[in-house]
Amino acid sequence: MYPMIKIEGVRHAYKTADGPLPVLDGLELSLNEGGFVAVVGPSGCGKSTLTRLVSGLMKPDEGRVMLHGEIVTGPRATVGMAFQNPRNCRAGCASAPRFAGRWCTSPKC
């Protein structure tokens, strides 16, 4: 039986004017179905990046993210994500039909 979520060696950095800004560096995580995990930390530590990687809205620079034994390569209809505020909707709207099964209805899109 595969873990529900498995993250292996995930690295991700954002490009900035001053060079790459690493937010995840060699992350490893395995969560079985029925398990519970809380991701907490200060602003900018990678919580939202991790959520976007698991949901398929982003791809890691290195490593892999798997759901039920399958590598996440893009948005999945079985995974949902609630954005922190409406401005974040703009980034997700392009994939909203495949991701959530319906179009984004926010006026910000």
C-alpha atoms as a PDB file:
ATOM      1  CA  MET A   1       0.000   0.000   0.000  1.00  0.00           C
ATOM      2  CA  TYR A   2       1.314   3.434  -0.963  1.00  0.00           C
ATOM      3  CA  PRO A   3       1.306   6.450   1.357  1.00  0.00           C
ATOM      4  CA  MET A   4      -1.449   8.909   0.496  1.00  0.00           C
ATOM      5  CA  ILE A   5       1.140  11.703   0.158  1.00  0.00           C
ATOM      6  CA  LYS A   6       4.844  11.093  -0.330  1.00  0.00           C
ATOM      7  CA  ILE A   7       7.383  13.837  -0.880  1.00  0.00           C
ATOM      8  CA  GLU A   8      10.943  12.863  -1.742  1.00  0.00           C
ATOM      9  CA  GLY A   9      13.888  15.248  -1.877  1.00  0.00           C
ATOM     10  CA  VAL A  10      11.801  18.257  -2.883  1.00  0.00           C
ATOM     11  CA  ARG A  11      13.644  21.493  -3.507  1.00  0.00           C
ATOM     12  CA  HIS A  12      12.017  24.681  -4.685  1.00  0.00           C
ATOM     13  CA  ALA A  13      13.331  28.225  -5.021  1.00  0.00           C
ATOM     14  CA  TYR A  14      11.772  31.412  -6.335  1.00  0.00           C
ATOM     15  CA  LYS A  15      13.654  33.610  -8.781  1.00  0.00           C
ATOM     16  CA  THR A  16      14.363  37.093  -7.451  1.00  0.00           C
ATOM     17  CA  ALA A  17      16.421  40.046  -8.655  1.00  0.00           C
ATOM     18  CA  ASP A  18      19.059  39.031  -6.094  1.00  0.00           C
ATOM     19  CA  GLY A  19      19.143  35.407  -7.256  1.00  0.00           C
ATOM     20  CA  PRO A  20      17.263  32.270  -6.207  1.00  0.00           C
ATOM     21  CA  LEU A  21      15.375  32.323  -2.912  1.00  0.00           C
ATOM     22  CA  PRO A  22      15.149  28.731  -1.608  1.00  0.00           C
ATOM     23  CA  VAL A  23      11.977  27.935   0.329  1.00  0.00           C
ATOM     24  CA  LEU A  24      12.074  24.121   0.363  1.00  0.00           C
ATOM     25  CA  ASP A  25      15.383  22.273   0.511  1.00  0.00           C
ATOM     26  CA  GLY A  26      15.392  18.477   0.489  1.00  0.00           C
ATOM     27  CA  LEU A  27      11.919  18.066   1.983  1.00  0.00           C
ATOM     28  CA  GLU A  28      10.899  14.499   2.861  1.00  0.00           C
ATOM     29  CA  LEU A  29       7.388  13.563   4.002  1.00  0.00           C
ATOM     30  CA  SER A  30       5.234  10.452   4.036  1.00  0.00           C
ATOM     31  CA  LEU A  31       1.608  10.579   5.144  1.00  0.00           C
ATOM     32  CA  ASN A  32      -0.623   7.518   5.218  1.00  0.00           C
ATOM     33  CA  GLU A  33      -4.314   7.686   4.475  1.00  0.00           C
ATOM     34  CA  GLY A  34      -6.219   8.611   7.620  1.00  0.00           C
ATOM     35  CA  GLY A  35      -3.149  10.362   9.005  1.00  0.00           C
ATOM     36  CA  PHE A  36      -2.994  13.964  10.087  1.00  0.00           C
ATOM     37  CA  VAL A  37      -0.319  16.572   9.625  1.00  0.00           C
ATOM     38  CA  ALA A  38      -0.169  20.291  10.364  1.00  0.00           C
ATOM     39  CA  VAL A  39       2.234  22.557   8.506  1.00  0.00           C
ATOM     40  CA  VAL A  40       3.027  25.638  10.558  1.00  0.00           C
ATOM     41  CA  GLY A  41       5.661  28.327  10.372  1.00  0.00           C
ATOM     42  CA  PRO A  42       6.312  31.997   9.783  1.00  0.00           C
ATOM     43  CA  SER A  43       5.432  33.864   6.628  1.00  0.00           C
ATOM     44  CA  GLY A  44       7.694  32.906   3.735  1.00  0.00           C
ATOM     45  CA  CYS A  45       8.804  29.519   5.078  1.00  0.00           C
ATOM     46  CA  GLY A  46       7.204  27.475   2.265  1.00  0.00           C
ATOM     47  CA  LYS A  47       3.777  26.436   3.607  1.00  0.00           C
ATOM     48  CA  SER A  48       1.847  27.713   0.585  1.00  0.00           C
ATOM     49  CA  THR A  49       4.538  26.468  -1.786  1.00  0.00           C
ATOM     50  CA  LEU A  50       4.182  22.986  -0.303  1.00  0.00           C
ATOM     51  CA  THR A  51       0.399  23.135  -0.701  1.00  0.00           C
ATOM     52  CA  ARG A  52       0.718  24.237  -4.332  1.00  0.00           C
ATOM     53  CA  LEU A  53       3.167  21.405  -5.040  1.00  0.00           C
ATOM     54  CA  VAL A  54       0.880  18.763  -3.524  1.00  0.00           C
ATOM     55  CA  SER A  55      -2.142  20.173  -5.387  1.00  0.00           C
ATOM     56  CA  GLY A  56      -0.227  20.154  -8.683  1.00  0.00           C
ATOM     57  CA  LEU A  57      -0.420  23.899  -9.255  1.00  0.00           C
ATOM     58  CA  MET A  58       3.397  24.046  -9.191  1.00  0.00           C
ATOM     59  CA  LYS A  59       6.209  21.599  -9.934  1.00  0.00           C
ATOM     60  CA  PRO A  60       9.273  21.232  -7.705  1.00  0.00           C
ATOM     61  CA  ASP A  61      12.696  22.263  -8.988  1.00  0.00           C
ATOM     62  CA  GLU A  62      13.991  18.889  -7.776  1.00  0.00           C
ATOM     63  CA  GLY A  63      12.513  15.781  -6.200  1.00  0.00           C
ATOM     64  CA  ARG A  64       9.023  14.420  -6.562  1.00  0.00           C
ATOM     65  CA  VAL A  65       5.577  14.675  -5.032  1.00  0.00           C
ATOM     66  CA  MET A  66       3.319  11.620  -5.158  1.00  0.00           C
ATOM     67  CA  LEU A  67      -0.343  11.030  -4.343  1.00  0.00           C
ATOM     68  CA  HIS A  68      -1.421   7.403  -3.904  1.00  0.00           C
ATOM     69  CA  GLY A  69       1.791   6.235  -5.584  1.00  0.00           C
ATOM     70  CA  GLU A  70       1.442   8.446  -8.685  1.00  0.00           C
ATOM     71  CA  ILE A  71       3.785  11.347  -9.387  1.00  0.00           C
ATOM     72  CA  VAL A  72       1.945  14.678  -9.377  1.00  0.00           C
ATOM     73  CA  THR A  73       2.475  16.282 -12.786  1.00  0.00           C
ATOM     74  CA  GLY A  74      -0.351  18.825 -12.774  1.00  0.00           C
ATOM     75  CA  PRO A  75      -3.650  19.763 -11.121  1.00  0.00           C
ATOM     76  CA  ARG A  76      -5.868  16.852 -10.075  1.00  0.00           C
ATOM     77  CA  ALA A  77      -9.648  16.764  -9.766  1.00  0.00           C
ATOM     78  CA  THR A  78      -9.331  14.854  -6.468  1.00  0.00           C
ATOM     79  CA  VAL A  79      -7.378  17.625  -4.716  1.00  0.00           C
ATOM     80  CA  GLY A  80      -8.775  20.982  -3.644  1.00  0.00           C
ATOM     81  CA  MET A  81      -7.090  24.106  -2.382  1.00  0.00           C
ATOM     82  CA  ALA A  82      -8.573  27.151  -0.658  1.00  0.00           C
ATOM     83  CA  PHE A  83      -6.564  30.262  -1.448  1.00  0.00           C
ATOM     84  CA  GLN A  84      -5.643  32.602   1.397  1.00  0.00           C
ATOM     85  CA  ASN A  85      -7.157  35.642  -0.298  1.00  0.00           C
ATOM     86  CA  PRO A  86      -8.740  36.529  -3.650  1.00  0.00           C
ATOM     87  CA  ARG A  87      -5.525  37.862  -5.203  1.00  0.00           C
ATOM     88  CA  ASN A  88      -4.141  34.319  -5.154  1.00  0.00           C
ATOM     89  CA  CYS A  89      -7.032  33.190  -7.325  1.00  0.00           C
ATOM     90  CA  ARG A  90      -5.514  34.801 -10.422  1.00  0.00           C
ATOM     91  CA  ALA A  91      -2.616  32.303 -10.423  1.00  0.00           C
ATOM     92  CA  GLY A  92      -4.945  29.341 -10.021  1.00  0.00           C
ATOM     93  CA  CYS A  93      -7.714  30.328 -12.431  1.00  0.00           C
ATOM     94  CA  ALA A  94      -5.931  29.085 -15.547  1.00  0.00           C
ATOM     95  CA  SER A  95      -6.060  25.562 -14.174  1.00  0.00           C
ATOM     96  CA  ALA A  96      -9.343  25.937 -12.261  1.00  0.00           C
ATOM     97  CA  PRO A  97     -11.503  23.957 -14.719  1.00  0.00           C
ATOM     98  CA  ARG A  98      -9.286  20.866 -14.397  1.00  0.00           C
ATOM     99  CA  PHE A  99      -8.354  21.527 -10.784  1.00  0.00           C
ATOM    100  CA  ALA A 100     -11.721  22.135  -9.197  1.00  0.00           C
ATOM    101  CA  GLY A 101     -14.093  20.988 -11.912  1.00  0.00           C
ATOM    102  CA  ARG A 102     -15.532  24.469 -12.369  1.00  0.00           C
ATOM    103  CA  TRP A 103     -14.480  27.968 -13.368  1.00  0.00           C
ATOM    104  CA  CYS A 104     -13.305  30.506 -10.847  1.00  0.00           C
ATOM    105  CA  THR A 105     -16.118  32.961 -10.100  1.00  0.00           C
ATOM    106  CA  SER A 106     -14.044  35.594  -8.316  1.00  0.00           C
ATOM    107  CA  PRO A 107     -14.243  39.075  -9.868  1.00  0.00           C
ATOM    108  CA  LYS A 108     -10.427  39.233  -9.441  1.00  0.00           C
ATOM    109  CA  CYS A 109      -9.878  36.571 -12.128  1.00  0.00           C
END
